Amino acid sequence: MAKLKSSFFCKNCGAQSAKWMGRCPSCGEWNTFEEEILVRADPPKGKSSGMGIPSSPKLIEDISLTELPRLKSGFRELDGVLGGGIVRGSIILLGGEPGIGKSTLLLQMAMALSDTKVLYVSGEESESQLKMRAERLEINTNTEHCYILTETNTQEIFQHIDQLRPDVIIIDSIQTLQSNLLDSASGSISQIKECAAEFQHLAKTTAIPVFLIGHITKDGTLAGPKILEHIVDTVLQFEGDQHYGYRIVRCTKNRFGSTSELGIFEMTGNGLREVLNSSEILLSQRDEDFSGNAIAAILEGNRPLMIETQALVSSAVYGMPQRSATGYDIRRMNMLLAVLEKRCRFKLGAKDVFINIAGGIHVEDPAINLSIVAAILSSVTDIPIDAKTCFAGEMGLNGEIRAVTRIEQRITEADKLGFTRIFLSKYNMKGLKQNQFGIELIPIGKIDEIFALLFEPRESKS
């Protein structure tokens, strides 16, 4: 009989302690320690996986670089986020809100991987439920390379892996797995650490890529200890508003590529569809121009996007003025309103101001500041901005328009989509020539210049 042993784990960082502590000495969080009953059994002797590669110390000069080609996932967007494809022997963690489409994405990927034997391990759905999902998504189920396994015990899963010898393994999800080496419940900190470590050992010794689906907490962070993100090679975040059809895959950690890439998908009745020209879907199609609309040239990762910003400014009729922002940081909006009052002498203290980013995505690129300000000024003056005009610039507290990064990519994207002029910081004009692009470049230095260029000539004519 194994001796019962209890230990305390920090929910935030996974630190272990023999007794309960009010404050974690590792991460400094309060009241995060929880007790777990541990019964660590000795692994069966003489019954190893059989697929592993025996390890031995080698001189670094004796190590041969036999680089294997990356596997293509069937999605160009996902391959771009992973850095060019799936690296053999890597372990990838995919997290996101419930119902956002994590299982759908990996099930579609499993069915799209041609000439690749895939094992899809589900601890949340039965075999018939997965078959119903595949038929609802109109995925071709007459394939001979995708195998479904409904199991939560890791030792049983490894036995099936020994027999099947797949090329890719998908685990849905890491919180549902349980190892016989521990007696704690599935989803606990110790079980998540143990199961992730077992699959890490499997991936590194067999060169089989492993995808792990992870739950997230109400704060938007991945559930479980932080060490889970340290164990894996790549961490992907699946984001999006469930009321909109668009989903974004962001990379927050990648040992084999850049973390500045992202992929955009659209959720349809037949599953996820890649969005190759993302700028067109984020721009609303309208027959006439309305005041309060402005187009921003932003960057999401390394991808330039043209996105529509909308502003509505009206008199406050309920006493206290309202400030609301959807898809944009409301604190930055309040800063921009203060600069407009100070530098442009717009009295916005008694006005309701509402900001909306079209498409349901959240933008953090500071280059959207100029577009937000232009949309607010357009709504205040009730003068529409030409639909073929876009903006790219960051605004400082003194009303100056600051330079933004990779301005040439933004200009090229605007030119490709048919825009005729772009407002940008005059400090971005270094090295740029007006005849270099097919779009008119309008450099400005302060925020009052944009008001004079866009709205004053029209007011004088009227």
Foldseek 3Di string as FASTA:
>chain_A
DFDKAKWKAFQEAGDIDRDDDQADPPPGDGPRIDMWIWGADDPDPPDDLVQFDDDDDDDPVPDDCPADDAFAQQDPQVCVQQARHHFFLFEEEEEEAPPLQPVLSNVLSLLRRPPFAEEEEAQPDDPVVSVVLCVQLVRPPPDDRYHYHHDQEVVVVSVVCSVPVGQEYEYHALQRHAYPSTDGHRNAQVRSVVSLVVVSSVSNGNRRYYYHYFYADPVRHTGYHPVSVVSGQWYWYWDFDPVAFKIKIFTPGHPNHDRLGMFMWGQDSNGTDGDPQVQVVQDDDDDDFWALKAWEFFGRRNATHIHIKGKAKAFDPPPQAAFEEQLEDSVVVVLLVVLCCVPVVDPRRRIHMYMYTGPRHHDDGQQCSLRNNRSHLRNVVRNGFPPLEHEGFHADSNQFTDAHPPVVNSQVSSLVVPRAEYEHAPVVCVPPDQVVGNHGYHHDTGSVVVCCVTPVVVVVVD
